[in-house]
């Protein structure tokens, strides 16, 4: 620094190091900014596409395993968080927008829900055995967020349908899987079997003979013939039908969700078997057999504690009525 430049330091109360750095920066040419260097841009198009290929090969890959494969295949070291950000939007689908119908919260339907809850509380106060019954659809091949069929007909095609009845004192009272839609005769036959199975449970055996079995079901058209059965066995069986748009009041809906979550894990572990037809005549028959096996393997997930938890969950909606 020159003598003139040095005189600036004491006169302006500026540290010598600061003045020296300012002089050096003023003598240098301005640096050219060209963006991020290529060596540091690890998540290129090629690198981003690799994890997707790994998931197509095996859906059980974890971020750690994909990181190790990237290091071995294309000699790139990236973090697991970078892989996770690169897969955003690729490994899941958004649910479609559902428009709630105006009739869902009509005064008439609210009144029916309140009447249902009053009757259910009345049966519970008598210490009757309460069994929650419903059916669910098990899609054979479907993408997340899409409908099982393109046409709106009563028949759902060749998809599997599960019918079940659960109670907090027994767990699964009865569960059956069959192909095709649930007809009125099929549902009435299942309710008869469910009633017989409930009679043989330890939960009902511990009750006094005057107690009844209360079967809670929805108001689907296929359940119309069950009312005739309830009238014939009035001294032992009580049938309670949910009000319209009241699925949140049936604890078995949460049990179905748990069952399907376990089934998805089972299917992910057996992905290779689903892709090979094997000894079956058609791929559909092969998938149907594997889905039935998945139901049998994951059915123990519906325990007495789970049903009790779902009942407690439904109480939140009961209190709003």
Protein backbone atom coordinates (compact mmCIF):
# COMPACT_ATOMS: atom_id res chain seq x y z
CA UNK A 1 0.00 0.00 0.00
CA UNK A 2 1.23 3.54 -0.77
CA UNK A 3 1.72 6.28 1.82
CA UNK A 4 -1.46 8.01 0.61
CA UNK A 5 -3.44 4.83 1.05
CA UNK A 6 -1.94 4.25 4.49
CA UNK A 7 -3.06 7.71 5.61
CA UNK A 8 -6.68 6.67 5.06
CA UNK A 9 -6.46 4.11 7.86
CA UNK A 10 -5.98 6.41 10.92
CA UNK A 11 -8.09 9.24 9.49
CA UNK A 12 -11.17 7.01 8.99
CA UNK A 13 -10.71 4.69 11.95
CA UNK A 14 -10.54 1.64 9.66
CA UNK A 15 -8.48 -1.44 10.57
CA UNK A 16 -5.37 -1.94 8.48
CA UNK A 17 -6.45 -5.45 7.39
CA UNK A 18 -9.75 -4.10 6.05
CA UNK A 19 -8.05 -1.38 4.05
CA UNK A 20 -5.50 -3.83 2.69
CA UNK A 21 -8.22 -6.23 1.56
CA UNK A 22 -10.14 -3.41 -0.14
CA UNK A 23 -7.06 -2.40 -2.09
CA UNK A 24 -6.37 -5.95 -3.24
CA UNK A 25 -9.98 -6.48 -4.35
CA UNK A 26 -9.92 -3.23 -6.30
CA UNK A 27 -6.85 -4.23 -8.28
CA UNK A 28 -8.28 -7.65 -9.35
CA UNK A 29 -10.61 -8.30 -12.26
CA UNK A 30 -14.22 -9.15 -11.27
CA UNK A 31 -14.91 -12.87 -11.08
CA UNK A 32 -17.14 -14.43 -13.71
CA UNK A 33 -20.15 -16.23 -12.22
CA UNK A 34 -21.18 -19.21 -14.32
CA UNK A 35 -23.52 -20.95 -11.86
CA UNK A 36 -23.01 -24.24 -10.04
CA UNK A 37 -20.00 -26.20 -11.17
CA UNK A 38 -20.72 -29.42 -13.03
CA UNK A 39 -18.76 -31.46 -10.53
CA UNK A 40 -21.16 -30.45 -7.74
CA UNK A 41 -24.44 -30.99 -9.63
CA UNK A 42 -24.87 -34.64 -8.65
CA UNK A 43 -28.63 -35.00 -9.19
CA UNK A 44 -28.55 -34.86 -12.98
CA UNK A 45 -31.27 -36.27 -15.23
CA UNK A 46 -29.39 -39.56 -15.46
CA UNK A 47 -28.97 -39.84 -11.71
CA UNK A 48 -32.61 -38.89 -11.04
CA UNK A 49 -33.89 -41.58 -13.39
CA UNK A 50 -31.84 -44.38 -11.84
CA UNK A 51 -33.79 -44.67 -8.54
CA UNK A 52 -37.02 -44.95 -10.53
CA UNK A 53 -35.52 -47.85 -12.50
CA UNK A 54 -34.46 -49.51 -9.25
CA UNK A 55 -38.01 -49.26 -7.89
CA UNK A 56 -39.42 -50.76 -11.08
CA UNK A 57 -37.08 -53.72 -10.63
CA UNK A 58 -37.88 -54.20 -6.95
CA UNK A 59 -40.35 -52.04 -5.03
CA UNK A 60 -38.75 -53.08 -1.72
CA UNK A 61 -35.64 -50.94 -2.35
CA UNK A 62 -34.84 -48.47 0.41
CA UNK A 63 -33.12 -45.11 -0.01
CA UNK A 64 -29.94 -46.54 1.54
CA UNK A 65 -29.87 -49.44 -0.90
CA UNK A 66 -30.47 -47.15 -3.90
CA UNK A 67 -27.67 -44.89 -2.68
CA UNK A 68 -25.27 -47.85 -2.62
CA UNK A 69 -26.38 -48.96 -6.09
CA UNK A 70 -25.80 -45.47 -7.49
CA UNK A 71 -22.30 -45.48 -6.04
CA UNK A 72 -21.58 -48.84 -7.68
CA UNK A 73 -23.31 -48.29 -11.05
CA UNK A 74 -22.42 -44.73 -12.05
CA UNK A 75 -19.90 -43.82 -9.31
CA UNK A 76 -21.97 -41.01 -7.83
CA UNK A 77 -22.25 -40.41 -4.10
CA UNK A 78 -25.53 -38.76 -3.09
CA UNK A 79 -27.40 -38.58 0.19
CA UNK A 80 -30.61 -40.43 0.95
CA UNK A 81 -32.46 -37.12 1.28
CA UNK A 82 -31.48 -36.22 -2.30
CA UNK A 83 -32.86 -39.56 -3.51
CA UNK A 84 -36.06 -38.96 -1.58
CA UNK A 85 -36.51 -35.50 -3.12
CA UNK A 86 -35.87 -36.94 -6.58
CA UNK A 87 -38.64 -39.50 -6.10
CA UNK A 88 -41.25 -36.97 -5.00
CA UNK A 89 -44.34 -37.39 -7.16
CA UNK A 90 -43.16 -40.67 -8.74
CA UNK A 91 -44.04 -43.32 -6.16
CA UNK A 92 -47.53 -42.25 -5.15
CA UNK A 93 -50.70 -40.82 -6.67
CA UNK A 94 -52.94 -38.11 -5.31
CA UNK A 95 -56.51 -38.99 -4.46
CA UNK A 96 -59.18 -37.51 -6.63
CA UNK A 97 -61.21 -34.59 -5.40
CA UNK A 98 -64.41 -35.71 -3.76
CA UNK A 99 -67.39 -33.40 -3.75
CA UNK A 100 -69.58 -33.93 -0.72
CA UNK A 101 -73.24 -34.25 -1.56
CA UNK A 102 -75.66 -31.75 -0.07
CA UNK A 103 -77.89 -34.57 1.14
CA UNK A 104 -75.17 -35.88 3.45
CA UNK A 105 -75.87 -33.26 6.11
CA UNK A 106 -79.58 -32.84 5.61
CA UNK A 107 -81.65 -32.57 8.76
CA UNK A 108 -83.41 -35.82 7.92
CA UNK A 109 -80.15 -37.78 7.73
CA UNK A 110 -78.85 -36.17 10.91
CA UNK A 111 -82.01 -37.23 12.70
CA UNK A 112 -81.58 -40.81 11.47
CA UNK A 113 -77.99 -40.87 12.73
CA UNK A 114 -79.10 -39.65 16.12
CA UNK A 115 -81.82 -42.31 16.31
CA UNK A 116 -79.28 -44.97 15.36
CA UNK A 117 -76.89 -43.86 18.10
CA UNK A 118 -79.65 -43.79 20.71
CA UNK A 119 -80.67 -47.35 19.81
CA UNK A 120 -77.04 -48.54 19.82
CA UNK A 121 -76.43 -47.01 23.25
CA UNK A 122 -79.62 -48.66 24.48
CA UNK A 123 -78.40 -52.10 23.35
CA UNK A 124 -74.95 -51.46 24.82
CA UNK A 125 -76.49 -50.55 28.18
CA UNK A 126 -78.24 -53.94 28.20
CA UNK A 127 -74.78 -55.56 27.75
CA UNK A 128 -75.79 -57.26 24.50
CA UNK A 129 -73.12 -58.62 22.16
CA UNK A 130 -72.60 -56.02 19.41
CA UNK A 131 -71.19 -57.28 16.10
CA UNK A 132 -70.22 -54.82 13.36
CA UNK A 133 -70.75 -56.26 9.87
CA UNK A 134 -69.89 -54.95 6.42
CA UNK A 135 -68.25 -55.93 3.15
CA UNK A 136 -65.28 -54.50 1.27
CA UNK A 137 -63.96 -54.62 -2.27
CA UNK A 138 -60.51 -56.10 -2.88
CA UNK A 139 -59.35 -54.90 -6.29
CA UNK A 140 -57.30 -57.35 -8.32
CA UNK A 141 -55.36 -54.88 -10.50
CA UNK A 142 -55.87 -51.13 -10.07
CA UNK A 143 -53.90 -47.91 -9.88
CA UNK A 144 -54.17 -45.72 -6.82
CA UNK A 145 -56.96 -43.18 -7.21
CA UNK A 146 -58.78 -44.96 -10.05
CA UNK A 147 -62.13 -46.73 -9.98
CA UNK A 148 -62.34 -50.50 -10.15
CA UNK A 149 -64.60 -50.40 -13.22
CA UNK A 150 -65.34 -47.81 -15.87
CA UNK A 151 -69.08 -48.53 -16.03
CA UNK A 152 -71.42 -47.84 -13.15
CA UNK A 153 -73.31 -51.10 -12.84
CA UNK A 154 -74.41 -53.10 -9.78
CA UNK A 155 -71.81 -55.74 -10.65
CA UNK A 156 -68.20 -54.89 -9.86
CA UNK A 157 -66.72 -57.44 -12.22
CA UNK A 158 -64.56 -60.31 -11.07
CA UNK A 159 -62.98 -58.48 -8.15
CA UNK A 160 -62.79 -60.18 -4.80
CA UNK A 161 -65.22 -59.15 -2.09
CA UNK A 162 -64.72 -59.67 1.60
CA UNK A 163 -67.53 -59.99 4.13
CA UNK A 164 -66.80 -59.84 7.80
CA UNK A 165 -68.15 -59.32 11.28
CA UNK A 166 -66.10 -58.12 14.26
CA UNK A 167 -66.67 -57.39 17.93
CA UNK A 168 -64.49 -55.90 20.64
CA UNK A 169 -64.81 -59.01 22.81
CA UNK A 170 -63.93 -61.58 20.14
CA UNK A 171 -62.10 -59.82 17.32
CA UNK A 172 -63.06 -61.51 14.07
CA UNK A 173 -66.35 -63.33 14.51
CA UNK A 174 -66.52 -64.46 10.88
CA UNK A 175 -64.81 -63.45 7.64
CA UNK A 176 -65.22 -64.83 4.13
CA UNK A 177 -63.79 -63.99 0.72
CA UNK A 178 -65.53 -64.72 -2.58
CA UNK A 179 -65.35 -63.55 -6.20
CA UNK A 180 -68.08 -61.40 -7.68
CA UNK A 181 -70.52 -58.89 -6.26
CA UNK A 182 -72.51 -59.31 -3.06
CA UNK A 183 -76.14 -60.12 -3.81
CA UNK A 184 -79.09 -59.99 -1.44
CA UNK A 185 -79.16 -63.77 -1.08
CA UNK A 186 -75.41 -63.91 -0.51
CA UNK A 187 -75.54 -61.24 2.16
CA UNK A 188 -78.55 -62.81 3.93
CA UNK A 189 -76.76 -66.16 3.94
CA UNK A 190 -73.64 -64.57 5.43
CA UNK A 191 -75.64 -62.88 8.20
CA UNK A 192 -77.10 -66.27 9.13
CA UNK A 193 -73.59 -67.73 9.33
CA UNK A 194 -72.43 -64.67 11.29
CA UNK A 195 -75.27 -65.05 13.78
CA UNK A 196 -74.46 -68.75 14.23
CA UNK A 197 -70.76 -67.99 14.70
CA UNK A 198 -71.56 -65.30 17.29
CA UNK A 199 -73.65 -67.80 19.28
CA UNK A 200 -70.60 -70.04 19.60
CA UNK A 201 -68.17 -67.39 20.83
CA UNK A 202 -66.91 -67.17 24.39
CA UNK A 203 -68.08 -63.56 24.51
CA UNK A 204 -71.72 -64.55 24.06
CA UNK A 205 -71.33 -67.62 26.29
CA UNK A 206 -70.41 -65.40 29.24
CA UNK A 207 -73.63 -63.38 28.89
CA UNK A 208 -76.95 -64.21 30.50
CA UNK A 209 -79.50 -66.05 28.30
CA UNK A 210 -81.68 -62.95 28.01
CA UNK A 211 -78.99 -61.01 26.16
CA UNK A 212 -79.25 -60.68 22.40
CA UNK A 213 -76.84 -60.43 19.49
CA UNK A 214 -76.90 -57.00 17.85
CA UNK A 215 -75.60 -56.89 14.27
CA UNK A 216 -74.74 -53.39 13.04
CA UNK A 217 -74.72 -53.07 9.24
CA UNK A 218 -75.13 -50.35 6.64
CA UNK A 219 -78.21 -49.50 4.59
CA UNK A 220 -77.06 -51.01 1.29
CA UNK A 221 -79.77 -52.50 -0.97
CA UNK A 222 -78.16 -55.93 -0.66
CA UNK A 223 -79.07 -55.97 3.05
CA UNK A 224 -82.82 -55.74 2.54
CA UNK A 225 -83.46 -59.47 3.05
CA UNK A 226 -81.65 -59.42 6.38
CA UNK A 227 -84.55 -57.53 7.96
CA UNK A 228 -86.83 -60.51 7.35
CA UNK A 229 -84.36 -62.73 9.20
CA UNK A 230 -84.27 -60.30 12.13
CA UNK A 231 -88.07 -60.35 12.43
CA UNK A 232 -88.10 -64.15 12.48
CA UNK A 233 -85.50 -64.31 15.29
CA UNK A 234 -86.65 -61.29 17.27
CA UNK A 235 -86.00 -62.97 20.62
CA UNK A 236 -82.26 -63.44 19.95
CA UNK A 237 -81.24 -61.13 17.10
CA UNK A 238 -81.39 -57.35 16.70
CA UNK A 239 -80.47 -55.68 13.41
CA UNK A 240 -79.35 -52.05 13.43
CA UNK A 241 -78.93 -50.30 10.08
CA UNK A 242 -76.74 -47.24 9.78
CA UNK A 243 -78.22 -43.99 8.54
CA UNK A 244 -77.29 -42.79 5.03
CA UNK A 245 -73.70 -41.51 4.71
CA UNK A 246 -72.70 -42.85 8.13
CA UNK A 247 -69.74 -45.11 7.39
CA UNK A 248 -67.67 -43.23 9.99
CA UNK A 249 -69.94 -44.73 12.67
CA UNK A 250 -68.99 -48.34 11.82
CA UNK A 251 -65.70 -49.48 13.44
CA UNK A 252 -65.23 -52.30 10.92
CA UNK A 253 -64.27 -49.71 8.29
CA UNK A 254 -61.06 -49.01 10.20
CA UNK A 255 -60.44 -52.75 10.51
CA UNK A 256 -60.70 -53.11 6.73
CA UNK A 257 -58.13 -50.32 6.33
CA UNK A 258 -55.72 -52.13 8.64
CA UNK A 259 -56.24 -55.41 6.77
CA UNK A 260 -55.52 -53.81 3.40
CA UNK A 261 -52.41 -52.08 4.74
CA UNK A 262 -51.03 -55.45 5.84
CA UNK A 263 -52.02 -56.93 2.47
CA UNK A 264 -50.05 -54.25 0.61
CA UNK A 265 -46.95 -55.15 2.58
CA UNK A 266 -47.53 -58.85 1.87
CA UNK A 267 -47.93 -58.15 -1.86
CA UNK A 268 -44.75 -56.04 -1.94
CA UNK A 269 -42.76 -58.90 -0.46
CA UNK A 270 -44.25 -61.36 -2.98
CA UNK A 271 -44.04 -59.11 -6.04
CA UNK A 272 -42.15 -61.67 -8.14
CA UNK A 273 -44.90 -64.26 -7.68
CA UNK A 274 -47.56 -61.83 -8.88
CA UNK A 275 -45.65 -61.27 -12.13
CA UNK A 276 -45.41 -64.98 -13.00
CA UNK A 277 -48.59 -66.86 -13.92
CA UNK A 278 -47.28 -70.26 -12.86
CA UNK A 279 -49.53 -73.30 -13.12
CA UNK A 280 -52.78 -71.31 -13.37
CA UNK A 281 -54.73 -71.01 -16.62
CA UNK A 282 -54.99 -67.22 -16.48
CA UNK A 283 -53.15 -64.42 -14.75
CA UNK A 284 -56.40 -63.34 -13.10
CA UNK A 285 -56.85 -66.75 -11.48
CA UNK A 286 -53.26 -66.61 -10.26
CA UNK A 287 -53.71 -63.15 -8.73
CA UNK A 288 -56.99 -64.19 -7.15
CA UNK A 289 -55.33 -67.14 -5.42
CA UNK A 290 -52.52 -64.92 -4.15
CA UNK A 291 -54.98 -62.31 -2.90
CA UNK A 292 -56.94 -64.95 -1.03
CA UNK A 293 -53.69 -66.13 0.53
CA UNK A 294 -52.85 -62.54 1.45
CA UNK A 295 -56.18 -62.18 3.25
CA UNK A 296 -55.63 -65.38 5.22
CA UNK A 297 -52.09 -64.37 6.19
CA UNK A 298 -53.00 -60.83 7.27
CA UNK A 299 -56.35 -61.60 8.89
CA UNK A 300 -54.83 -62.02 12.40
CA UNK A 301 -54.08 -58.27 12.34
CA UNK A 302 -57.74 -57.65 13.24
CA UNK A 303 -57.55 -58.28 16.97
CA UNK A 304 -59.88 -57.48 19.85
CA UNK A 305 -57.70 -54.51 20.75
CA UNK A 306 -57.92 -53.14 17.20
CA UNK A 307 -61.71 -53.39 17.18
CA UNK A 308 -61.83 -51.67 20.56
CA UNK A 309 -59.57 -48.88 19.27
CA UNK A 310 -61.79 -48.40 16.23
CA UNK A 311 -64.83 -48.19 18.50
CA UNK A 312 -63.10 -45.48 20.52
CA UNK A 313 -62.26 -43.69 17.27
CA UNK A 314 -65.91 -43.76 16.22
CA UNK A 315 -66.91 -42.26 19.57
CA UNK A 316 -65.49 -38.94 18.36
CA UNK A 317 -68.17 -38.90 15.66
CA UNK A 318 -70.81 -40.15 18.09
CA UNK A 319 -70.26 -37.11 20.31
CA UNK A 320 -70.88 -34.74 17.41
CA UNK A 321 -74.39 -36.02 16.80
